[in-house]
Amino acid sequence: EIGISGLTVTEVKGFGRQKGHTELYRGAEYVVDFLPKIKIEIVVKTES
């Protein structure tokens, strides 16, 4: 909508302050350290 059409998208995993979370699978508890994220990369003019 603001005129930026070219971008690169990458599926990444990581964590910040939330440090992952605990899940329950078939009665067993396990820690998911890295959460799925999307990284978007764009290059724009400085004024944009």
All heavy atoms as atom14 arrays in JSON, in Angstrom:
{
  "sequence": "EIGISGLTVTEVKGFGRQKGHTELYRGAEYVVDFLPKIKIEIVVKTES",
  "atom14_mask": [
    [1, 1, 1, 1, 1, 1, 1, 1, 1, 0, 0, 0, 0, 0],
    [1, 1, 1, 1, 1, 1, 1, 1, 0, 0, 0, 0, 0, 0],
    [1, 1, 1, 1, 0, 0, 0, 0, 0, 0, 0, 0, 0, 0],
    [1, 1, 1, 1, 1, 1, 1, 1, 0, 0, 0, 0, 0, 0],
    [1, 1, 1, 1, 1, 1, 0, 0, 0, 0, 0, 0, 0, 0],
    [1, 1, 1, 1, 0, 0, 0, 0, 0, 0, 0, 0, 0, 0],
    [1, 1, 1, 1, 1, 1, 1, 1, 0, 0, 0, 0, 0, 0],
    [1, 1, 1, 1, 1, 1, 1, 0, 0, 0, 0, 0, 0, 0],
    [1, 1, 1, 1, 1, 1, 1, 0, 0, 0, 0, 0, 0, 0],
    [1, 1, 1, 1, 1, 1, 1, 0, 0, 0, 0, 0, 0, 0],
    [1, 1, 1, 1, 1, 1, 1, 1, 1, 0, 0, 0, 0, 0],
    [1, 1, 1, 1, 1, 1, 1, 0, 0, 0, 0, 0, 0, 0],
    [1, 1, 1, 1, 1, 1, 1, 1, 1, 0, 0, 0, 0, 0],
    [1, 1, 1, 1, 0, 0, 0, 0, 0, 0, 0, 0, 0, 0],
    [1, 1, 1, 1, 1, 1, 1, 1, 1, 1, 1, 0, 0, 0],
    [1, 1, 1, 1, 0, 0, 0, 0, 0, 0, 0, 0, 0, 0],
    [1, 1, 1, 1, 1, 1, 1, 1, 1, 1, 1, 0, 0, 0],
    [1, 1, 1, 1, 1, 1, 1, 1, 1, 0, 0, 0, 0, 0],
    [1, 1, 1, 1, 1, 1, 1, 1, 1, 0, 0, 0, 0, 0],
    [1, 1, 1, 1, 0, 0, 0, 0, 0, 0, 0, 0, 0, 0],
    [1, 1, 1, 1, 1, 1, 1, 1, 1, 1, 0, 0, 0, 0],
    [1, 1, 1, 1, 1, 1, 1, 0, 0, 0, 0, 0, 0, 0],
    [1, 1, 1, 1, 1, 1, 1, 1, 1, 0, 0, 0, 0, 0],
    [1, 1, 1, 1, 1, 1, 1, 1, 0, 0, 0, 0, 0, 0],
    [1, 1, 1, 1, 1, 1, 1, 1, 1, 1, 1, 1, 0, 0],
    [1, 1, 1, 1, 1, 1, 1, 1, 1, 1, 1, 0, 0, 0],
    [1, 1, 1, 1, 0, 0, 0, 0, 0, 0, 0, 0, 0, 0],
    [1, 1, 1, 1, 1, 0, 0, 0, 0, 0, 0, 0, 0, 0],
    [1, 1, 1, 1, 1, 1, 1, 1, 1, 0, 0, 0, 0, 0],
    [1, 1, 1, 1, 1, 1, 1, 1, 1, 1, 1, 1, 0, 0],
    [1, 1, 1, 1, 1, 1, 1, 0, 0, 0, 0, 0, 0, 0],
    [1, 1, 1, 1, 1, 1, 1, 0, 0, 0, 0, 0, 0, 0],
    [1, 1, 1, 1, 1, 1, 1, 1, 0, 0, 0, 0, 0, 0],
    [1, 1, 1, 1, 1, 1, 1, 1, 1, 1, 1, 0, 0, 0],
    [1, 1, 1, 1, 1, 1, 1, 1, 0, 0, 0, 0, 0, 0],
    [1, 1, 1, 1, 1, 1, 1, 0, 0, 0, 0, 0, 0, 0],
    [1, 1, 1, 1, 1, 1, 1, 1, 1, 0, 0, 0, 0, 0],
    [1, 1, 1, 1, 1, 1, 1, 1, 0, 0, 0, 0, 0, 0],
    [1, 1, 1, 1, 1, 1, 1, 1, 1, 0, 0, 0, 0, 0],
    [1, 1, 1, 1, 1, 1, 1, 1, 0, 0, 0, 0, 0, 0],
    [1, 1, 1, 1, 1, 1, 1, 1, 1, 0, 0, 0, 0, 0],
    [1, 1, 1, 1, 1, 1, 1, 1, 0, 0, 0, 0, 0, 0],
    [1, 1, 1, 1, 1, 1, 1, 0, 0, 0, 0, 0, 0, 0],
    [1, 1, 1, 1, 1, 1, 1, 0, 0, 0, 0, 0, 0, 0],
    [1, 1, 1, 1, 1, 1, 1, 1, 1, 0, 0, 0, 0, 0],
    [1, 1, 1, 1, 1, 1, 1, 0, 0, 0, 0, 0, 0, 0],
    [1, 1, 1, 1, 1, 1, 1, 1, 1, 0, 0, 0, 0, 0],
    [1, 1, 1, 1, 1, 1, 0, 0, 0, 0, 0, 0, 0, 0]
  ],
  "atom14_positions": [
    [[0.81, -1.22, 0.0], [0.0, 0.0, 0.0], [0.84, 1.27, 0.0], [0.4, 2.3, -0.5], [-0.94, 0.01, 1.21], [-2.09, -0.95, 1.08], [-2.94, -1.03, 2.35], [-2.74, -0.19, 3.26], [-3.79, -1.93, 2.42], [0.0, 0.0, 0.0], [0.0, 0.0, 0.0], [0.0, 0.0, 0.0], [0.0, 0.0, 0.0], [0.0, 0.0, 0.0]],
    [[2.07, 1.2, 0.53], [2.93, 2.39, 0.53], [3.94, 2.35, -0.62], [4.88, 3.14, -0.66], [3.64, 2.61, 1.89], [4.57, 1.44, 2.22], [2.63, 2.85, 2.98], [5.5, 1.74, 3.38], [0.0, 0.0, 0.0], [0.0, 0.0, 0.0], [0.0, 0.0, 0.0], [0.0, 0.0, 0.0], [0.0, 0.0, 0.0], [0.0, 0.0, 0.0]],
    [[3.76, 1.41, -1.55], [4.58, 1.38, -2.76], [5.82, 0.51, -2.7], [6.67, 0.59, -3.58], [0.0, 0.0, 0.0], [0.0, 0.0, 0.0], [0.0, 0.0, 0.0], [0.0, 0.0, 0.0], [0.0, 0.0, 0.0], [0.0, 0.0, 0.0], [0.0, 0.0, 0.0], [0.0, 0.0, 0.0], [0.0, 0.0, 0.0], [0.0, 0.0, 0.0]],
    [[5.94, -0.32, -1.69], [7.09, -1.22, -1.6], [6.64, -2.59, -2.09], [5.78, -3.22, -1.49], [7.62, -1.31, -0.16], [8.13, 0.07, 0.27], [8.72, -2.36, -0.04], [8.51, 0.17, 1.72], [0.0, 0.0, 0.0], [0.0, 0.0, 0.0], [0.0, 0.0, 0.0], [0.0, 0.0, 0.0], [0.0, 0.0, 0.0], [0.0, 0.0, 0.0]],
    [[7.22, -3.02, -3.21], [6.74, -4.26, -3.82], [7.74, -5.41, -3.71], [7.36, -6.56, -3.66], [6.39, -4.03, -5.28], [7.51, -3.51, -5.96], [0.0, 0.0, 0.0], [0.0, 0.0, 0.0], [0.0, 0.0, 0.0], [0.0, 0.0, 0.0], [0.0, 0.0, 0.0], [0.0, 0.0, 0.0], [0.0, 0.0, 0.0], [0.0, 0.0, 0.0]],
    [[9.03, -5.11, -3.68], [10.02, -6.18, -3.65], [10.42, -6.51, -2.23], [10.75, -5.63, -1.43], [0.0, 0.0, 0.0], [0.0, 0.0, 0.0], [0.0, 0.0, 0.0], [0.0, 0.0, 0.0], [0.0, 0.0, 0.0], [0.0, 0.0, 0.0], [0.0, 0.0, 0.0], [0.0, 0.0, 0.0], [0.0, 0.0, 0.0], [0.0, 0.0, 0.0]],
    [[10.36, -7.8, -1.89], [10.81, -8.21, -0.57], [11.25, -9.66, -0.61], [10.89, -10.41, -1.5], [9.73, -8.0, 0.5], [8.36, -8.63, 0.32], [8.27, -9.98, 0.99], [7.32, -7.7, 0.93], [0.0, 0.0, 0.0], [0.0, 0.0, 0.0], [0.0, 0.0, 0.0], [0.0, 0.0, 0.0], [0.0, 0.0, 0.0], [0.0, 0.0, 0.0]],
    [[12.06, -10.02, 0.37], [12.52, -11.39, 0.52], [11.99, -11.91, 1.84], [12.03, -11.22, 2.85], [14.07, -11.45, 0.53], [14.55, -10.9, -0.69], [14.56, -12.88, 0.67], [0.0, 0.0, 0.0], [0.0, 0.0, 0.0], [0.0, 0.0, 0.0], [0.0, 0.0, 0.0], [0.0, 0.0, 0.0], [0.0, 0.0, 0.0], [0.0, 0.0, 0.0]],
    [[11.46, -13.13, 1.82], [10.88, -13.73, 3.02], [11.62, -15.03, 3.31], [11.84, -15.85, 2.42], [9.38, -14.02, 2.81], [8.8, -14.75, 4.01], [8.62, -12.73, 2.55], [0.0, 0.0, 0.0], [0.0, 0.0, 0.0], [0.0, 0.0, 0.0], [0.0, 0.0, 0.0], [0.0, 0.0, 0.0], [0.0, 0.0, 0.0], [0.0, 0.0, 0.0]],
    [[12.0, -15.2, 4.58], [12.7, -16.4, 5.01], [12.02, -16.95, 6.26], [11.67, -16.18, 7.15], [14.17, -16.07, 5.36], [14.77, -15.33, 4.31], [14.97, -17.33, 5.59], [0.0, 0.0, 0.0], [0.0, 0.0, 0.0], [0.0, 0.0, 0.0], [0.0, 0.0, 0.0], [0.0, 0.0, 0.0], [0.0, 0.0, 0.0], [0.0, 0.0, 0.0]],
    [[11.85, -18.26, 6.3], [11.34, -18.9, 7.52], [12.53, -19.09, 8.45], [13.53, -19.7, 8.07], [10.69, -20.24, 7.21], [9.41, -20.11, 6.43], [8.74, -21.44, 6.15], [9.12, -22.46, 6.78], [7.85, -21.48, 5.3], [0.0, 0.0, 0.0], [0.0, 0.0, 0.0], [0.0, 0.0, 0.0], [0.0, 0.0, 0.0], [0.0, 0.0, 0.0]],
    [[12.44, -18.54, 9.65], [13.53, -18.63, 10.61], [12.99, -19.13, 11.95], [11.78, -19.21, 12.15], [14.23, -17.26, 10.8], [14.91, -16.82, 9.51], [13.26, -16.2, 11.28], [0.0, 0.0, 0.0], [0.0, 0.0, 0.0], [0.0, 0.0, 0.0], [0.0, 0.0, 0.0], [0.0, 0.0, 0.0], [0.0, 0.0, 0.0], [0.0, 0.0, 0.0]],
    [[13.9, -19.46, 12.85], [13.52, -19.83, 14.21], [14.37, -19.02, 15.17], [15.53, -18.73, 14.88], [13.76, -21.32, 14.46], [12.83, -22.21, 13.7], [13.05, -23.65, 14.06], [12.08, -24.53, 13.29], [12.15, -25.91, 13.72], [0.0, 0.0, 0.0], [0.0, 0.0, 0.0], [0.0, 0.0, 0.0], [0.0, 0.0, 0.0], [0.0, 0.0, 0.0]],
    [[13.81, -18.67, 16.3], [14.57, -17.92, 17.27], [13.76, -17.66, 18.52], [12.64, -18.12, 18.67], [0.0, 0.0, 0.0], [0.0, 0.0, 0.0], [0.0, 0.0, 0.0], [0.0, 0.0, 0.0], [0.0, 0.0, 0.0], [0.0, 0.0, 0.0], [0.0, 0.0, 0.0], [0.0, 0.0, 0.0], [0.0, 0.0, 0.0], [0.0, 0.0, 0.0]],
    [[14.38, -16.9, 19.43], [13.67, -16.5, 20.63], [14.29, -15.21, 21.15], [15.42, -14.88, 20.85], [13.69, -17.58, 21.71], [15.06, -17.85, 22.28], [15.5, -17.14, 23.39], [15.87, -18.82, 21.74], [16.76, -17.38, 23.92], [17.12, -19.07, 22.26], [17.56, -18.35, 23.36], [0.0, 0.0, 0.0], [0.0, 0.0, 0.0], [0.0, 0.0, 0.0]],
    [[13.48, -14.48, 21.88], [13.94, -13.25, 22.51], [13.67, -13.36, 24.0], [14.04, -14.35, 24.63], [0.0, 0.0, 0.0], [0.0, 0.0, 0.0], [0.0, 0.0, 0.0], [0.0, 0.0, 0.0], [0.0, 0.0, 0.0], [0.0, 0.0, 0.0], [0.0, 0.0, 0.0], [0.0, 0.0, 0.0], [0.0, 0.0, 0.0], [0.0, 0.0, 0.0]],
    [[12.97, -12.4, 24.52], [12.67, -12.39, 25.95], [11.8, -13.56, 26.38], [11.85, -14.01, 27.5], [11.98, -11.09, 26.33], [12.9, -9.92, 26.31], [12.19, -8.7, 26.83], [13.08, -7.56, 26.77], [12.67, -6.32, 26.81], [11.39, -6.05, 26.91], [13.53, -5.34, 26.75], [0.0, 0.0, 0.0], [0.0, 0.0, 0.0], [0.0, 0.0, 0.0]],
    [[10.95, -14.05, 25.46], [10.04, -15.11, 25.85], [10.74, -16.44, 26.06], [10.2, -17.34, 26.67], [8.9, -15.23, 24.83], [9.34, -15.7, 23.46], [8.27, -15.53, 22.42], [8.41, -14.72, 21.54], [7.22, -16.29, 22.52], [0.0, 0.0, 0.0], [0.0, 0.0, 0.0], [0.0, 0.0, 0.0], [0.0, 0.0, 0.0], [0.0, 0.0, 0.0]],
    [[11.93, -16.6, 25.56], [12.77, -17.78, 25.76], [12.07, -19.1, 25.47], [12.25, -20.08, 26.17], [13.3, -17.8, 27.19], [14.01, -16.54, 27.61], [15.39, -16.8, 28.04], [16.16, -15.64, 28.58], [15.82, -14.32, 28.27], [0.0, 0.0, 0.0], [0.0, 0.0, 0.0], [0.0, 0.0, 0.0], [0.0, 0.0, 0.0], [0.0, 0.0, 0.0]],
    [[11.24, -19.15, 24.46], [10.55, -20.39, 24.1], [9.39, -20.65, 25.04], [8.96, -19.78, 25.79], [0.0, 0.0, 0.0], [0.0, 0.0, 0.0], [0.0, 0.0, 0.0], [0.0, 0.0, 0.0], [0.0, 0.0, 0.0], [0.0, 0.0, 0.0], [0.0, 0.0, 0.0], [0.0, 0.0, 0.0], [0.0, 0.0, 0.0], [0.0, 0.0, 0.0]],
    [[8.87, -21.86, 25.0], [7.76, -22.22, 25.88], [7.72, -23.74, 26.06], [8.4, -24.48, 25.36], [6.44, -21.69, 25.32], [6.06, -22.27, 24.0], [6.55, -21.8, 22.81], [5.25, -23.31, 23.69], [6.05, -22.52, 21.81], [5.26, -23.44, 22.31], [0.0, 0.0, 0.0], [0.0, 0.0, 0.0], [0.0, 0.0, 0.0], [0.0, 0.0, 0.0]],
    [[6.88, -24.19, 26.97], [6.74, -25.61, 27.26], [5.45, -26.12, 26.61], [4.43, -25.45, 26.65], [6.66, -25.84, 28.78], [7.82, -25.28, 29.38], [6.61, -27.31, 29.12], [0.0, 0.0, 0.0], [0.0, 0.0, 0.0], [0.0, 0.0, 0.0], [0.0, 0.0, 0.0], [0.0, 0.0, 0.0], [0.0, 0.0, 0.0], [0.0, 0.0, 0.0]],
    [[5.52, -27.28, 25.97], [4.35, -27.89, 25.36], [4.17, -29.3, 25.89], [5.1, -29.92, 26.4], [4.51, -27.94, 23.83], [4.4, -26.58, 23.18], [4.32, -26.67, 21.66], [4.31, -27.78, 21.11], [4.29, -25.6, 21.03], [0.0, 0.0, 0.0], [0.0, 0.0, 0.0], [0.0, 0.0, 0.0], [0.0, 0.0, 0.0], [0.0, 0.0, 0.0]],
    [[2.96, -29.8, 25.74], [2.63, -31.15, 26.16], [2.32, -31.97, 24.91], [1.51, -31.56, 24.07], [1.39, -31.1, 27.07], [1.2, -32.23, 28.05], [2.39, -32.33, 28.99], [-0.07, -32.01, 28.85], [0.0, 0.0, 0.0], [0.0, 0.0, 0.0], [0.0, 0.0, 0.0], [0.0, 0.0, 0.0], [0.0, 0.0, 0.0], [0.0, 0.0, 0.0]],
    [[3.01, -33.1, 24.72], [2.78, -33.95, 23.55], [2.7, -35.4, 24.03], [3.65, -35.92, 24.6], [3.91, -33.79, 22.53], [3.76, -34.65, 21.31], [2.77, -34.37, 20.36], [4.57, -35.75, 21.1], [2.61, -35.16, 19.25], [4.43, -36.55, 19.99], [3.45, -36.25, 19.07], [3.29, -37.04, 17.94], [0.0, 0.0, 0.0], [0.0, 0.0, 0.0]],
    [[1.54, -36.02, 23.82], [1.29, -37.41, 24.24], [1.66, -37.62, 25.71], [2.32, -38.6, 26.06], [2.04, -38.38, 23.34], [1.52, -38.39, 21.92], [2.11, -39.5, 21.13], [1.54, -39.49, 19.8], [1.82, -40.37, 18.86], [2.67, -41.35, 19.11], [1.27, -40.3, 17.68], [0.0, 0.0, 0.0], [0.0, 0.0, 0.0], [0.0, 0.0, 0.0]],
    [[1.29, -36.67, 26.52], [1.51, -36.8, 27.96], [2.9, -36.41, 28.43], [3.16, -36.36, 29.61], [0.0, 0.0, 0.0], [0.0, 0.0, 0.0], [0.0, 0.0, 0.0], [0.0, 0.0, 0.0], [0.0, 0.0, 0.0], [0.0, 0.0, 0.0], [0.0, 0.0, 0.0], [0.0, 0.0, 0.0], [0.0, 0.0, 0.0], [0.0, 0.0, 0.0]],
    [[3.8, -36.13, 27.5], [5.17, -35.75, 27.88], [5.35, -34.25, 27.69], [4.92, -33.69, 26.67], [6.19, -36.51, 27.04], [0.0, 0.0, 0.0], [0.0, 0.0, 0.0], [0.0, 0.0, 0.0], [0.0, 0.0, 0.0], [0.0, 0.0, 0.0], [0.0, 0.0, 0.0], [0.0, 0.0, 0.0], [0.0, 0.0, 0.0], [0.0, 0.0, 0.0]],
    [[5.97, -33.64, 28.66], [6.22, -32.2, 28.58], [7.61, -31.97, 27.98], [8.57, -32.66, 28.32], [6.17, -31.63, 30.0], [6.13, -30.13, 30.04], [5.93, -29.61, 31.45], [4.77, -29.56, 31.91], [6.94, -29.28, 32.08], [0.0, 0.0, 0.0], [0.0, 0.0, 0.0], [0.0, 0.0, 0.0], [0.0, 0.0, 0.0], [0.0, 0.0, 0.0]],
    [[7.71, -31.03, 27.06], [9.01, -30.71, 26.49], [9.09, -29.21, 26.2], [8.08, -28.53, 26.05], [9.31, -31.54, 25.23], [8.41, -31.25, 24.05], [8.83, -30.42, 23.03], [7.14, -31.83, 23.95], [8.01, -30.16, 21.95], [6.32, -31.57, 22.88], [6.77, -30.73, 21.88], [5.95, -30.47, 20.82], [0.0, 0.0, 0.0], [0.0, 0.0, 0.0]],
    [[10.31, -28.72, 26.14], [10.55, -27.29, 25.96], [10.84, -27.0, 24.49], [11.65, -27.69, 23.86], [11.74, -26.81, 26.82], [12.05, -25.34, 26.56], [11.45, -27.04, 28.29], [0.0, 0.0, 0.0], [0.0, 0.0, 0.0], [0.0, 0.0, 0.0], [0.0, 0.0, 0.0], [0.0, 0.0, 0.0], [0.0, 0.0, 0.0], [0.0, 0.0, 0.0]],
    [[10.14, -26.02, 23.95], [10.39, -25.55, 22.59], [11.23, -24.28, 22.74], [10.72, -23.23, 23.13], [9.07, -25.26, 21.84], [9.36, -24.73, 20.44], [8.21, -26.51, 21.77], [0.0, 0.0, 0.0], [0.0, 0.0, 0.0], [0.0, 0.0, 0.0], [0.0, 0.0, 0.0], [0.0, 0.0, 0.0], [0.0, 0.0, 0.0], [0.0, 0.0, 0.0]],
    [[12.54, -24.39, 22.49], [13.45, -23.25, 22.67], [13.32, -22.23, 21.55], [13.3, -21.04, 21.78], [14.9, -23.72, 22.74], [15.18, -24.48, 24.02], [14.53, -24.18, 25.04], [16.05, -25.36, 24.0], [0.0, 0.0, 0.0], [0.0, 0.0, 0.0], [0.0, 0.0, 0.0], [0.0, 0.0, 0.0], [0.0, 0.0, 0.0], [0.0, 0.0, 0.0]],
    [[13.3, -22.71, 20.33], [13.27, -21.82, 19.18], [11.87, -21.81, 18.58], [11.34, -22.86, 18.22], [14.29, -22.26, 18.13], [15.7, -22.13, 18.62], [16.38, -23.22, 19.14], [16.35, -20.91, 18.57], [17.67, -23.1, 19.61], [17.64, -20.78, 19.03], [18.31, -21.87, 19.55], [0.0, 0.0, 0.0], [0.0, 0.0, 0.0], [0.0, 0.0, 0.0]],
    [[11.3, -20.63, 18.47], [9.95, -20.48, 17.94], [9.99, -20.11, 16.47], [10.87, -19.36, 16.04], [9.21, -19.4, 18.73], [9.12, -19.68, 20.23], [8.55, -18.47, 20.96], [8.27, -20.91, 20.5], [0.0, 0.0, 0.0], [0.0, 0.0, 0.0], [0.0, 0.0, 0.0], [0.0, 0.0, 0.0], [0.0, 0.0, 0.0], [0.0, 0.0, 0.0]],
    [[9.04, -20.6, 15.67], [9.03, -20.25, 14.25], [8.69, -18.77, 14.06], [7.77, -18.24, 14.68], [7.95, -21.15, 13.66], [7.1, -21.54, 14.81], [7.96, -21.51, 16.02], [0.0, 0.0, 0.0], [0.0, 0.0, 0.0], [0.0, 0.0, 0.0], [0.0, 0.0, 0.0], [0.0, 0.0, 0.0], [0.0, 0.0, 0.0], [0.0, 0.0, 0.0]],
    [[9.45, -18.12, 13.2], [9.24, -16.71, 12.87], [9.44, -16.55, 11.36], [9.9, -17.45, 10.67], [10.26, -15.82, 13.6], [10.21, -15.9, 15.11], [9.01, -15.21, 15.67], [9.06, -15.22, 17.19], [7.94, -14.54, 17.78], [0.0, 0.0, 0.0], [0.0, 0.0, 0.0], [0.0, 0.0, 0.0], [0.0, 0.0, 0.0], [0.0, 0.0, 0.0]],
    [[9.09, -15.38, 10.88], [9.31, -15.01, 9.48], [10.22, -13.79, 9.46], [9.99, -12.84, 10.21], [7.98, -14.67, 8.77], [7.07, -15.89, 8.68], [8.23, -14.06, 7.39], [7.56, -16.96, 7.73], [0.0, 0.0, 0.0], [0.0, 0.0, 0.0], [0.0, 0.0, 0.0], [0.0, 0.0, 0.0], [0.0, 0.0, 0.0], [0.0, 0.0, 0.0]],
    [[11.26, -13.82, 8.62], [12.11, -12.66, 8.46], [11.84, -12.05, 7.09], [11.93, -12.74, 6.07], [13.59, -13.01, 8.59], [14.49, -11.78, 8.44], [15.92, -12.04, 8.85], [16.67, -12.79, 7.83], [18.12, -12.84, 8.09], [0.0, 0.0, 0.0], [0.0, 0.0, 0.0], [0.0, 0.0, 0.0], [0.0, 0.0, 0.0], [0.0, 0.0, 0.0]],
    [[11.49, -10.79, 7.09], [11.24, -10.04, 5.86], [12.41, -9.09, 5.65], [12.81, -8.39, 6.58], [9.93, -9.24, 5.96], [8.75, -10.17, 6.17], [9.74, -8.36, 4.73], [7.47, -9.45, 6.52], [0.0, 0.0, 0.0], [0.0, 0.0, 0.0], [0.0, 0.0, 0.0], [0.0, 0.0, 0.0], [0.0, 0.0, 0.0], [0.0, 0.0, 0.0]],
    [[12.94, -9.06, 4.44], [14.03, -8.15, 4.11], [13.6, -7.27, 2.95], [13.13, -7.79, 1.93], [15.28, -8.93, 3.73], [15.81, -9.81, 4.84], [16.94, -10.71, 4.38], [18.1, -10.24, 4.4], [16.65, -11.84, 3.99], [0.0, 0.0, 0.0], [0.0, 0.0, 0.0], [0.0, 0.0, 0.0], [0.0, 0.0, 0.0], [0.0, 0.0, 0.0]],
    [[13.76, -5.96, 3.11], [13.48, -5.02, 2.03], [14.58, -3.98, 1.99], [15.21, -3.68, 3.0], [12.1, -4.32, 2.18], [12.01, -3.56, 3.51], [10.97, -5.32, 2.07], [10.73, -2.76, 3.67], [0.0, 0.0, 0.0], [0.0, 0.0, 0.0], [0.0, 0.0, 0.0], [0.0, 0.0, 0.0], [0.0, 0.0, 0.0], [0.0, 0.0, 0.0]],
    [[14.82, -3.43, 0.81], [15.75, -2.33, 0.65], [14.96, -1.16, 0.09], [14.23, -1.3, -0.9], [16.92, -2.7, -0.29], [17.82, -1.5, -0.52], [17.71, -3.86, 0.29], [0.0, 0.0, 0.0], [0.0, 0.0, 0.0], [0.0, 0.0, 0.0], [0.0, 0.0, 0.0], [0.0, 0.0, 0.0], [0.0, 0.0, 0.0], [0.0, 0.0, 0.0]],
    [[15.08, -0.01, 0.76], [14.3, 1.17, 0.39], [15.19, 2.4, 0.34], [16.28, 2.42, 0.9], [13.14, 1.41, 1.39], [12.16, 0.25, 1.38], [13.65, 1.66, 2.79], [0.0, 0.0, 0.0], [0.0, 0.0, 0.0], [0.0, 0.0, 0.0], [0.0, 0.0, 0.0], [0.0, 0.0, 0.0], [0.0, 0.0, 0.0], [0.0, 0.0, 0.0]],
    [[14.69, 3.44, -0.32], [15.36, 4.73, -0.27], [15.28, 5.24, 1.16], [14.33, 4.93, 1.89], [14.68, 5.71, -1.23], [14.78, 5.31, -2.68], [14.04, 6.3, -3.55], [14.07, 5.85, -4.99], [13.3, 6.73, -5.87], [0.0, 0.0, 0.0], [0.0, 0.0, 0.0], [0.0, 0.0, 0.0], [0.0, 0.0, 0.0], [0.0, 0.0, 0.0]],
    [[16.24, 6.05, 1.55], [16.31, 6.53, 2.94], [15.02, 7.21, 3.37], [14.56, 7.03, 4.5], [17.52, 7.46, 3.11], [18.7, 6.74, 2.72], [17.67, 7.92, 4.54], [0.0, 0.0, 0.0], [0.0, 0.0, 0.0], [0.0, 0.0, 0.0], [0.0, 0.0, 0.0], [0.0, 0.0, 0.0], [0.0, 0.0, 0.0], [0.0, 0.0, 0.0]],
    [[14.4, 7.98, 2.49], [13.17, 8.69, 2.86], [11.97, 7.76, 3.05], [10.95, 8.16, 3.61], [12.83, 9.8, 1.85], [12.61, 9.31, 0.43], [13.86, 9.32, -0.44], [14.98, 9.4, 0.08], [13.69, 9.22, -1.67], [0.0, 0.0, 0.0], [0.0, 0.0, 0.0], [0.0, 0.0, 0.0], [0.0, 0.0, 0.0], [0.0, 0.0, 0.0]],
    [[12.08, 6.51, 2.61], [10.98, 5.55, 2.76], [11.1, 4.69, 4.01], [10.22, 3.87, 4.27], [10.91, 4.64, 1.53], [10.67, 5.39, 0.37], [0.0, 0.0, 0.0], [0.0, 0.0, 0.0], [0.0, 0.0, 0.0], [0.0, 0.0, 0.0], [0.0, 0.0, 0.0], [0.0, 0.0, 0.0], [0.0, 0.0, 0.0], [0.0, 0.0, 0.0]]
  ]
}
